[in-house]
Amino acid sequence: MNTLAKSFARIVLSSLCCYHLTANATTYYVDGGSGDDSRRGTTPEHSWKSLQRVNQQIFQPGDQILLKAGTRYAGQLKPQGSGASREGRIVPIVISSFGSGSRPRIDAGGKFLDAVLLRNVEFWEVRNLEITNLGEQRQPWQTGVRIVSDGFGKMRHIHLSNLFVHDVNGDLSKEKEGCGIYFESRGGNGSHFDDLLIENCHVLRTDRNGICQRSSGRTRSLRVVIRGNLLEDIGGDGIKVWGSNGALIEHNTIRGGRMRCDDHAAGIWPFASDDTLIQFNEVSGMRGIKDGQGFDADYLWRRSVFQYNYSHDNEGGFILICAPGHSYNEDTIVRYNISQNDGINTARVFHFGGAAKNTQVYNNTIYVGPKQDLPLVLFTEWDGGHAAGTRFYNNLFYVAGRATYDWGKARDTIFENNIFCGPHVQPPPDARGTTNCPPLTSPGTGGNGFDSVAGYQLKPGSESPSGRMVQDNGGRDFFGKPVSTNKPPRIGASE
């Protein structure tokens, strides 16, 4: 058999395989305007009408449930059945829309705890819906979308994309928190998620949180990705991952968090999650100083990385790195980020709370604005724990206001090859540091969006001091320029 014939045979075999996997799949149509639940639902002309009818059906791998664009549905969507993984291929069940117009809207009206509930089902993809759950009063644990593995074990391939989730008035306390999009593993049996994606969703005015995870078991979730989402006017935490190893949180934008809660909240933070990668996110407008930072490296984790993020105008500061004395936070890396105007005067920019160990902070650009007068670095005790082995390398601390330092009882803190530009009160010893301000294009002029921070690059033709070599440096700077592995980088987030 010649090469062309072999290629054709592979195409035919692949097509037959795909046909075999989806041969029994059915597409169901739902039209909240002119549909009728007594119909078979398998064509637009014979569509169902209600979510109740959808909830009665047990769906099979490859099925699709399509809601008509521009229609509205009161109540809860709680579908049954699971897709499958067959012969190495994912055969999901899909919920989406058909026709032209606005997204179909599901409105639970506070009469259900969750507007959309995926409980103990797997291989589902949900996209192109508007979801809201605004009741007459706040309820504990109220959500827009809830995904839950409840004693189910491994719950695989749950993908949410292009959802507009808004106006969810859940409880504002951390102990009973409501959420826009919420995923939870509980009930024993090693319950966890494998391949959970939340992508390109818009989350607006949700309480307490925007997108968050909770886990009550010891088995950690895998392949969790939260990417490309816009969160605005969030009552408490923006994005929280709790109990996932190797999670990826990237290209998200948070504008306004901790807007209504009274307890501690931050923009993006993992808890009990090793090897988390948080990159290319923008967080701004976090309110208050409990915690109020753009980012939080919390405890029960190791080896997590915060890189290429843009943090600005967060009242609580840029980042919290913390662990109580009886727990751990180890080997956190904070590199090639830009922070502008983070921290009101009673706050801080960097806060090390408790027993964080071996934190590396390098090649960041930190801008303290002319109206700011606060600790640039603050170390505090938590439950008898104090930070140890913290390293600051190659950072540009550009202060137009006034920066102070509070070392607490931290141990073995080292600064090397940093630039202390502007008014620093009793800065730390740094044998290779300098106070010479580099010729940046227009520091302090960043606004919303990554495109607004070009002013933190060097003026054309100018030079900046070199820093020290750092192994495994990520390979690029904040702006995408390569960072060498065999020669010292420039100081700051711009190479």
Protein backbone atom coordinates (compact mmCIF):
# COMPACT_ATOMS: atom_id res chain seq x y z
CA MET A 1 0.00 0.00 0.00
CA ASN A 2 1.51 3.35 -1.02
CA THR A 3 1.77 6.39 1.25
CA LEU A 4 -1.33 8.11 -0.20
CA ALA A 5 -3.43 4.99 0.28
CA LYS A 6 -2.20 4.57 3.85
CA SER A 7 -3.10 8.19 4.65
CA PHE A 8 -6.56 7.74 3.17
CA ALA A 9 -7.06 4.55 5.16
CA ARG A 10 -6.13 6.34 8.40
CA ILE A 11 -8.62 9.13 7.64
CA VAL A 12 -11.39 6.62 6.94
CA LEU A 13 -10.56 4.65 10.09
CA SER A 14 -10.56 7.83 12.20
CA SER A 15 -13.90 8.90 10.72
CA LEU A 16 -15.42 5.48 11.38
CA CYS A 17 -14.09 5.59 14.93
CA CYS A 18 -15.64 9.01 15.56
CA TYR A 19 -18.92 7.84 14.00
CA HIS A 20 -18.92 4.75 16.22
CA LEU A 21 -18.34 6.84 19.33
CA THR A 22 -21.21 9.26 18.60
CA ALA A 23 -23.56 7.14 16.50
CA ASN A 24 -26.21 7.00 19.20
CA ALA A 25 -25.88 10.64 20.27
CA THR A 26 -28.94 12.89 20.20
CA THR A 27 -29.29 16.66 20.01
CA TYR A 28 -32.09 18.08 22.14
CA TYR A 29 -33.52 21.57 21.67
CA VAL A 30 -35.10 23.79 24.32
CA ASP A 31 -37.13 26.90 23.53
CA GLY A 32 -38.49 28.73 26.57
CA GLY A 33 -40.82 30.75 24.34
CA SER A 34 -42.60 28.43 21.93
CA GLY A 35 -41.41 25.01 23.12
CA ASP A 36 -43.59 22.26 24.57
CA ASP A 37 -42.42 19.64 27.06
CA SER A 38 -44.74 17.03 25.54
CA ARG A 39 -42.71 17.06 22.32
CA ARG A 40 -39.77 14.81 21.59
CA GLY A 41 -37.28 17.73 21.69
CA THR A 42 -35.04 16.49 18.91
CA THR A 43 -35.55 19.30 16.38
CA PRO A 44 -35.92 23.07 16.77
CA GLU A 45 -39.52 22.75 15.59
CA HIS A 46 -40.27 20.12 18.25
CA SER A 47 -38.29 21.65 21.11
CA TRP A 48 -38.88 21.25 24.82
CA LYS A 49 -39.86 24.29 26.87
CA SER A 50 -38.53 24.00 30.42
CA LEU A 51 -35.51 23.16 32.52
CA GLN A 52 -37.68 20.69 34.41
CA ARG A 53 -38.02 18.60 31.26
CA VAL A 54 -34.27 18.73 30.70
CA ASN A 55 -33.66 17.58 34.27
CA GLN A 56 -35.86 14.49 33.75
CA GLN A 57 -33.77 13.14 30.90
CA ILE A 58 -30.78 10.88 31.45
CA PHE A 59 -28.31 11.95 28.79
CA GLN A 60 -25.79 9.75 27.00
CA PRO A 61 -22.24 10.32 25.69
CA GLY A 62 -22.23 12.67 22.71
CA ASP A 63 -25.66 14.17 23.43
CA GLN A 64 -26.18 17.92 23.12
CA ILE A 65 -28.71 20.10 24.91
CA LEU A 66 -29.16 23.38 23.05
CA LEU A 67 -31.15 26.29 24.50
CA LYS A 68 -32.51 28.86 22.09
CA ALA A 69 -30.66 32.17 22.07
CA GLY A 70 -32.57 35.04 23.62
CA THR A 71 -34.83 32.87 25.78
CA ARG A 72 -35.19 32.82 29.58
CA TYR A 73 -35.68 29.99 32.04
CA ALA A 74 -36.73 30.20 35.68
CA GLY A 75 -35.49 27.50 38.03
CA GLN A 76 -32.51 25.17 38.20
CA LEU A 77 -30.63 23.22 35.54
CA LYS A 78 -29.58 19.89 37.10
CA PRO A 79 -28.81 17.46 34.27
CA GLN A 80 -28.35 13.71 34.63
CA GLY A 81 -26.06 11.21 32.91
CA SER A 82 -22.40 11.26 31.98
CA GLY A 83 -20.30 11.42 28.87
CA ALA A 84 -17.44 8.98 28.45
CA SER A 85 -13.84 8.36 27.48
CA ARG A 86 -13.75 5.70 24.79
CA GLU A 87 -10.76 4.40 22.88
CA GLY A 88 -8.73 7.33 24.13
CA ARG A 89 -11.28 9.94 22.99
CA ILE A 90 -13.44 12.19 25.12
CA VAL A 91 -17.13 11.92 24.23
CA PRO A 92 -18.73 14.68 26.32
CA ILE A 93 -22.29 15.80 26.80
CA VAL A 94 -22.62 19.44 25.71
CA ILE A 95 -24.94 22.18 26.93
CA SER A 96 -24.91 25.27 24.72
CA SER A 97 -27.18 27.48 22.62
CA PHE A 98 -28.65 27.56 19.13
CA GLY A 99 -29.84 30.39 16.95
CA SER A 100 -28.77 34.04 16.97
CA GLY A 101 -29.10 36.56 19.77
CA SER A 102 -28.12 36.87 23.38
CA ARG A 103 -27.14 33.93 25.55
CA PRO A 104 -30.02 31.88 26.96
CA ARG A 105 -30.61 33.00 30.55
CA ILE A 106 -31.11 30.73 33.54
CA ASP A 107 -32.51 32.59 36.56
CA ALA A 108 -32.83 30.64 39.81
CA GLY A 109 -34.15 33.72 41.63
CA GLY A 110 -32.83 32.52 44.97
CA LYS A 111 -35.40 29.69 44.99
CA PHE A 112 -32.64 27.14 44.43
CA LEU A 113 -29.23 27.06 46.08
CA ASP A 114 -27.57 26.64 42.67
CA ALA A 115 -28.78 27.88 39.30
CA VAL A 116 -26.75 25.20 37.50
CA LEU A 117 -25.73 22.03 39.35
CA LEU A 118 -23.44 19.29 38.05
CA ARG A 119 -23.36 16.70 40.84
CA ASN A 120 -21.61 13.31 40.50
CA VAL A 121 -21.62 13.41 36.71
CA GLU A 122 -18.61 13.67 34.38
CA PHE A 123 -17.55 14.48 30.83
CA TRP A 124 -19.74 17.58 30.56
CA GLU A 125 -19.08 20.80 28.64
CA VAL A 126 -21.27 23.82 29.43
CA ARG A 127 -20.95 27.00 27.40
CA ASN A 128 -22.68 30.10 26.02
CA LEU A 129 -25.20 30.61 28.85
CA GLU A 130 -26.19 33.53 31.09
CA ILE A 131 -26.70 32.45 34.70
CA THR A 132 -28.00 34.40 37.70
CA ASN A 133 -29.27 33.58 41.19
CA LEU A 134 -30.45 36.71 42.98
CA GLY A 135 -32.91 36.05 45.79
CA GLU A 136 -34.79 38.23 48.24
CA GLN A 137 -32.11 37.58 50.88
CA ARG A 138 -28.66 36.08 51.16
CA GLN A 139 -28.30 32.33 51.63
CA PRO A 140 -25.31 30.28 52.83
CA TRP A 141 -23.49 28.48 49.99
CA GLN A 142 -25.64 30.01 47.24
CA THR A 143 -24.03 29.84 43.79
CA GLY A 144 -24.54 30.50 40.11
CA VAL A 145 -22.81 27.28 39.00
CA ARG A 146 -21.89 24.44 41.36
CA ILE A 147 -19.81 21.41 40.37
CA VAL A 148 -19.58 18.80 43.11
CA SER A 149 -17.97 15.40 43.50
CA ASP A 150 -19.84 14.09 46.55
CA GLY A 151 -18.38 10.72 47.48
CA PHE A 152 -18.06 10.09 43.74
CA GLY A 153 -14.30 9.60 43.57
CA LYS A 154 -12.58 10.95 40.45
CA MET A 155 -14.90 13.30 38.52
CA ARG A 156 -13.43 13.84 35.05
CA HIS A 157 -13.60 16.42 32.26
CA ILE A 158 -15.85 19.25 33.39
CA HIS A 159 -15.40 22.25 31.07
CA LEU A 160 -17.14 25.61 31.47
CA SER A 161 -16.63 28.29 28.84
CA ASN A 162 -18.11 31.60 27.72
CA LEU A 163 -20.58 31.81 30.61
CA PHE A 164 -21.93 35.10 31.95
CA VAL A 165 -22.54 34.52 35.67
CA HIS A 166 -23.84 37.52 37.57
CA ASP A 167 -25.82 38.77 40.55
CA VAL A 168 -25.51 35.90 43.00
CA ASN A 169 -26.25 37.03 46.57
CA GLY A 170 -24.72 34.25 48.62
CA ASP A 171 -23.54 34.57 52.21
CA LEU A 172 -20.63 36.97 52.69
CA SER A 173 -18.86 35.01 55.44
CA LYS A 174 -15.92 32.75 54.61
CA GLU A 175 -17.52 29.90 56.61
CA LYS A 176 -20.72 29.93 54.49
CA GLU A 177 -19.44 31.55 51.33
CA GLY A 178 -21.53 31.96 48.25
CA CYS A 179 -19.88 32.02 44.84
CA GLY A 180 -20.38 32.72 41.15
CA ILE A 181 -18.70 29.50 39.95
CA TYR A 182 -17.95 26.93 42.66
CA PHE A 183 -16.38 23.48 42.49
CA GLU A 184 -16.21 21.23 45.52
CA SER A 185 -15.04 17.71 46.38
CA ARG A 186 -16.41 16.14 49.53
CA GLY A 187 -17.90 12.99 51.02
CA GLY A 188 -14.88 10.68 51.04
CA ASN A 189 -14.06 7.97 48.50
CA GLY A 190 -11.09 10.05 47.28
CA SER A 191 -13.41 12.57 45.66
CA HIS A 192 -11.57 15.00 43.40
CA PHE A 193 -11.56 16.50 39.91
CA ASP A 194 -9.39 15.55 36.97
CA ASP A 195 -9.46 17.89 33.94
CA LEU A 196 -11.57 20.81 35.12
CA LEU A 197 -11.51 23.91 32.93
CA ILE A 198 -13.13 27.31 33.56
CA GLU A 199 -12.36 29.53 30.58
CA ASN A 200 -13.41 32.86 29.10
CA CYS A 201 -16.27 33.43 31.54
CA HIS A 202 -17.52 36.79 32.81
CA VAL A 203 -18.34 36.85 36.53
CA LEU A 204 -20.05 40.00 37.80
CA ARG A 205 -21.46 41.02 41.23
CA THR A 206 -21.21 37.63 42.90
CA ASP A 207 -21.05 37.09 46.66
CA ARG A 208 -19.03 36.05 48.46
CA ASN A 209 -16.55 34.93 45.80
CA GLY A 210 -16.01 34.86 42.05
CA ILE A 211 -14.51 31.48 41.07
CA CYS A 212 -13.54 29.20 43.92
CA GLN A 213 -12.82 25.64 44.98
CA ARG A 214 -13.35 23.90 48.30
CA SER A 215 -12.14 20.45 49.30
CA SER A 216 -12.85 18.49 52.47
CA GLY A 217 -10.80 15.41 51.61
CA ARG A 218 -7.12 14.58 51.29
CA THR A 219 -7.15 13.67 47.60
CA ARG A 220 -6.12 16.69 45.56
CA SER A 221 -7.58 17.54 42.19
CA LEU A 222 -5.48 17.43 39.02
CA ARG A 223 -5.39 19.33 35.73
CA VAL A 224 -7.42 22.28 37.02
CA VAL A 225 -7.19 25.28 34.66
CA ILE A 226 -8.78 28.70 35.26
CA ARG A 227 -8.01 30.85 32.23
CA GLY A 228 -9.08 34.02 30.47
CA ASN A 229 -11.91 35.00 32.81
CA LEU A 230 -13.09 38.52 33.66
CA LEU A 231 -14.27 39.06 37.24
CA GLU A 232 -15.80 42.37 38.33
CA ASP A 233 -17.32 43.69 41.56
CA ILE A 234 -16.73 40.56 43.63
CA GLY A 235 -17.83 40.56 47.28
CA GLY A 236 -14.79 38.69 48.65
CA ASP A 237 -12.12 36.49 47.06
CA GLY A 238 -11.67 36.64 43.30
CA ILE A 239 -10.19 33.25 42.36
CA LYS A 240 -9.42 30.64 44.99
CA VAL A 241 -8.02 27.15 44.39
CA TRP A 242 -8.27 24.83 47.39
CA GLY A 243 -6.95 21.29 47.08
CA SER A 244 -5.48 21.06 43.56
CA ASN A 245 -1.95 20.04 42.62
CA GLY A 246 -0.46 21.53 39.48
CA ALA A 247 -3.30 24.01 38.93
CA LEU A 248 -2.87 26.68 36.23
CA ILE A 249 -4.40 30.15 36.78
CA GLU A 250 -3.61 32.45 33.87
CA HIS A 251 -4.78 35.40 31.77
CA ASN A 252 -7.57 36.32 34.19
CA THR A 253 -8.62 39.89 35.02
CA ILE A 254 -10.09 40.91 38.37
CA ARG A 255 -11.43 44.44 38.77
CA GLY A 256 -12.80 45.03 42.24
CA GLY A 257 -12.72 42.44 45.01
CA ARG A 258 -13.52 42.28 48.72
CA MET A 259 -16.23 44.81 47.88
CA ARG A 260 -18.75 43.72 50.51
CA CYS A 261 -17.34 41.11 52.92
CA ASP A 262 -15.96 41.98 56.37
CA ASP A 263 -13.49 39.10 56.73
CA HIS A 264 -10.19 38.38 54.97
CA ALA A 265 -10.11 38.10 51.19
CA ALA A 266 -7.60 38.45 48.35
CA GLY A 267 -7.59 38.55 44.56
CA ILE A 268 -6.03 35.24 43.48
CA TRP A 269 -4.82 32.64 45.96
CA PRO A 270 -4.27 28.92 46.28
CA PHE A 271 -4.58 26.91 49.48
CA ALA A 272 -3.48 23.30 50.06
CA SER A 273 -2.26 23.18 46.47
CA ASP A 274 1.29 22.23 45.48
CA ASP A 275 2.97 23.35 42.23
CA THR A 276 0.40 26.00 41.34
CA LEU A 277 1.30 28.31 38.44
CA ILE A 278 -0.26 31.81 38.56
CA GLN A 279 0.73 33.88 35.52
CA PHE A 280 -0.37 36.70 33.18
CA ASN A 281 -3.18 37.82 35.49
CA GLU A 282 -4.22 41.39 36.24
CA VAL A 283 -5.72 42.19 39.65
CA SER A 284 -6.83 45.66 40.74
CA GLY A 285 -9.26 47.35 43.08
CA MET A 286 -9.11 44.97 46.06
CA ARG A 287 -10.57 46.82 49.04
CA GLY A 288 -9.44 46.95 52.64
CA ILE A 289 -6.48 45.47 54.48
CA LYS A 290 -7.98 42.17 55.69
CA ASP A 291 -6.01 40.91 53.55
CA GLY A 292 -6.88 42.96 50.47
CA GLN A 293 -3.83 41.99 48.39
CA GLY A 294 -3.89 41.26 44.69
CA PHE A 295 -2.26 37.87 45.31
CA ASP A 296 -1.89 35.50 48.25
CA ALA A 297 0.49 32.56 48.59
CA ASP A 298 -1.30 30.71 51.37
CA TYR A 299 -0.32 27.61 53.36
CA LEU A 300 -0.29 23.81 53.01
CA TRP A 301 1.58 24.11 49.75
CA ARG A 302 5.00 23.86 48.13
CA ARG A 303 6.75 25.07 44.97
CA SER A 304 4.17 27.47 43.59
CA VAL A 305 5.06 30.26 41.16
CA PHE A 306 3.64 33.78 40.65
CA GLN A 307 5.02 35.24 37.41
CA TYR A 308 4.23 37.85 34.73
CA ASN A 309 1.28 39.26 36.68
CA TYR A 310 0.20 42.91 36.84
CA SER A 311 -1.10 44.10 40.21
CA HIS A 312 -2.25 47.66 40.80
CA ASP A 313 -4.29 49.84 43.13
CA ASN A 314 -5.05 47.07 45.63
CA GLU A 315 -5.55 48.59 49.08
CA GLY A 316 -4.09 45.61 50.94
CA GLY A 317 -0.90 45.45 48.89
CA PHE A 318 0.69 43.31 46.20
CA ILE A 319 1.14 39.87 47.77
CA LEU A 320 0.73 37.98 51.04
CA ILE A 321 2.95 34.95 51.69
CA CYS A 322 1.85 33.17 54.84
CA ALA A 323 1.57 30.05 57.00
CA PRO A 324 0.74 29.54 60.67
CA GLY A 325 3.47 28.16 62.87
CA HIS A 326 1.99 24.65 62.88
CA SER A 327 1.82 24.43 59.06
CA TYR A 328 3.99 25.19 56.02
CA ASN A 329 4.47 27.33 52.93
CA GLU A 330 7.70 26.37 51.19
CA ASP A 331 9.69 27.31 48.08
CA THR A 332 7.30 29.94 46.70
CA ILE A 333 8.67 31.93 43.73
CA VAL A 334 7.54 35.49 42.92
CA ARG A 335 9.20 36.72 39.70
CA TYR A 336 8.84 39.14 36.80
CA ASN A 337 5.68 40.83 38.09
CA ILE A 338 4.77 44.52 38.05
CA SER A 339 3.08 46.11 41.06
CA GLN A 340 1.87 49.71 40.93
CA ASN A 341 0.30 51.71 43.77
CA ASP A 342 -0.47 48.59 45.82
CA GLY A 343 -1.15 49.26 49.49
CA ILE A 344 -2.78 52.12 51.33
CA ASN A 345 -0.79 53.69 54.12
CA THR A 346 -2.00 51.34 56.86
CA ALA A 347 -1.15 48.30 54.71
CA ARG A 348 2.04 47.02 53.05
CA VAL A 349 3.31 45.95 49.62
CA PHE A 350 4.88 42.58 50.54
CA HIS A 351 3.49 40.86 53.64
CA PHE A 352 5.12 37.75 55.09
CA GLY A 353 2.81 36.39 57.74
CA GLY A 354 4.08 33.48 59.82
CA ALA A 355 6.23 30.54 58.86
CA ALA A 356 6.85 30.83 55.12
CA LYS A 357 10.20 29.23 54.23
CA ASN A 358 12.61 29.64 51.34
CA THR A 359 10.63 32.22 49.39
CA GLN A 360 12.38 33.68 46.34
CA VAL A 361 11.36 37.15 45.16
CA TYR A 362 13.29 38.23 42.08
CA ASN A 363 13.15 40.51 39.03
CA ASN A 364 9.96 42.28 40.01
CA THR A 365 9.27 45.97 39.43
CA ILE A 366 7.47 47.57 42.37
CA TYR A 367 6.23 51.16 42.05
CA VAL A 368 5.19 53.03 45.21
CA GLY A 369 3.24 56.13 44.22
CA PRO A 370 3.76 59.68 45.49
CA LYS A 371 0.76 59.48 47.85
CA GLN A 372 1.93 56.26 49.49
CA ASP A 373 3.79 56.01 52.81
CA LEU A 374 3.91 52.39 53.97
CA PRO A 375 6.06 49.33 54.64
CA LEU A 376 7.48 47.97 51.42
CA VAL A 377 8.20 44.71 53.25
CA LEU A 378 6.37 43.63 56.42
CA PHE A 379 7.12 40.49 58.44
CA THR A 380 4.66 39.45 61.13
CA GLU A 381 4.13 36.45 63.42
CA TRP A 382 1.31 33.93 62.95
CA ASP A 383 0.63 31.25 65.51
CA GLY A 384 4.24 31.32 66.66
CA GLY A 385 5.61 31.11 63.12
CA HIS A 386 8.12 33.48 61.54
CA ALA A 387 9.45 33.60 57.97
CA ALA A 388 12.86 32.08 57.27
CA GLY A 389 15.17 31.96 54.28
CA THR A 390 13.54 34.75 52.24
CA ARG A 391 15.57 35.96 49.25
CA PHE A 392 15.11 39.23 47.33
CA TYR A 393 17.21 39.34 44.13
CA ASN A 394 17.26 41.75 41.16
CA ASN A 395 14.14 43.70 42.14
CA LEU A 396 13.50 47.30 41.19
CA PHE A 397 11.86 49.15 44.10
CA TYR A 398 10.86 52.47 42.53
CA VAL A 399 9.51 54.71 45.28
CA ALA A 400 7.93 58.08 44.49
CA GLY A 401 6.36 58.29 47.97
CA ARG A 402 7.98 56.81 51.07
CA ALA A 403 8.87 53.19 51.86
CA THR A 404 9.69 51.68 55.26
CA TYR A 405 10.59 48.16 56.44
CA ASP A 406 9.37 46.03 59.35
CA TRP A 407 11.43 42.87 59.89
CA GLY A 408 9.61 41.38 62.87
CA LYS A 409 11.43 38.18 63.93
CA ALA A 410 12.15 36.92 60.42
CA ARG A 411 15.33 34.86 60.08
CA ASP A 412 17.94 34.66 57.34
CA THR A 413 16.47 37.32 55.02
CA ILE A 414 18.86 38.32 52.23
CA PHE A 415 18.72 41.16 49.69
CA GLU A 416 21.10 41.06 46.74
CA ASN A 417 21.41 43.15 43.55
CA ASN A 418 18.27 45.21 44.12
CA ILE A 419 17.65 48.85 43.16
CA PHE A 420 16.30 51.10 45.93
CA CYS A 421 15.14 54.12 43.97
CA GLY A 422 13.63 57.07 45.88
CA PRO A 423 12.91 57.59 49.61
CA HIS A 424 13.58 54.31 51.46
CA VAL A 425 13.77 54.59 55.25
CA GLN A 426 16.52 52.32 56.61
CA PRO A 427 16.57 49.91 53.66
CA PRO A 428 18.10 46.46 54.21
CA PRO A 429 21.79 45.84 53.64
CA ASP A 430 22.48 44.92 50.03
CA ALA A 431 26.18 44.77 49.16
CA ARG A 432 25.49 44.76 45.42
CA GLY A 433 22.45 47.02 45.52
CA THR A 434 22.18 50.57 44.25
CA THR A 435 20.05 53.66 44.75
CA ASN A 436 20.40 54.90 41.17
CA CYS A 437 17.01 55.19 39.50
CA PRO A 438 16.98 53.53 36.07
CA PRO A 439 15.72 55.56 33.08
CA LEU A 440 12.26 54.04 32.70
CA THR A 441 10.02 55.37 29.97
CA SER A 442 7.13 56.53 32.21
CA PRO A 443 6.87 54.76 35.58
CA GLY A 444 3.61 55.11 37.50
CA THR A 445 1.44 55.64 34.41
CA GLY A 446 -0.07 52.17 34.18
CA GLY A 447 -3.84 51.83 33.97
CA ASN A 448 -6.11 48.93 33.22
CA GLY A 449 -4.69 46.28 30.90
CA PHE A 450 -1.25 44.91 30.16
CA ASP A 451 -0.89 47.33 27.26
CA SER A 452 -0.82 50.22 29.74
CA VAL A 453 2.45 49.26 31.47
CA ALA A 454 4.92 49.85 28.65
CA GLY A 455 6.27 52.75 30.74
CA TYR A 456 8.13 50.29 32.93
CA GLN A 457 10.55 49.47 30.14
CA LEU A 458 13.88 51.24 29.75
CA LYS A 459 14.11 54.26 27.52
CA PRO A 460 15.55 53.36 24.11
CA GLY A 461 19.34 53.33 24.10
CA SER A 462 19.68 53.41 27.88
CA GLU A 463 21.24 50.84 30.19
CA SER A 464 20.31 49.35 33.54
CA PRO A 465 22.51 47.46 36.01
CA SER A 466 22.78 43.70 35.75
CA GLY A 467 21.64 41.52 38.58
CA ARG A 468 22.69 38.08 39.76
CA MET A 469 22.18 34.79 37.98
CA VAL A 470 19.09 32.82 38.99
CA GLN A 471 18.67 29.21 37.95
CA ASP A 472 15.43 28.17 36.21
CA ASN A 473 14.44 31.82 35.72
CA GLY A 474 11.40 31.18 33.51
CA GLY A 475 13.16 32.09 30.26
CA ARG A 476 11.46 35.45 29.62
CA ASP A 477 10.74 38.79 31.27
CA PHE A 478 7.37 40.47 31.91
CA PHE A 479 7.24 41.85 28.37
CA GLY A 480 8.15 38.59 26.64
CA LYS A 481 11.81 39.31 25.98
CA PRO A 482 14.14 36.32 26.44
CA VAL A 483 16.14 36.02 29.65
CA SER A 484 19.48 34.31 29.25
CA THR A 485 20.43 31.22 31.22
CA ASN A 486 24.17 31.93 31.05
CA LYS A 487 24.53 35.64 31.81
CA PRO A 488 23.11 37.92 34.50
CA PRO A 489 19.72 39.53 33.76
CA ARG A 490 18.84 43.21 34.06
CA ILE A 491 17.33 44.33 37.34
CA GLY A 492 13.56 44.59 37.41
CA ALA A 493 10.80 42.99 35.36
CA SER A 494 12.12 44.27 31.99
CA GLU A 495 15.19 42.69 30.41
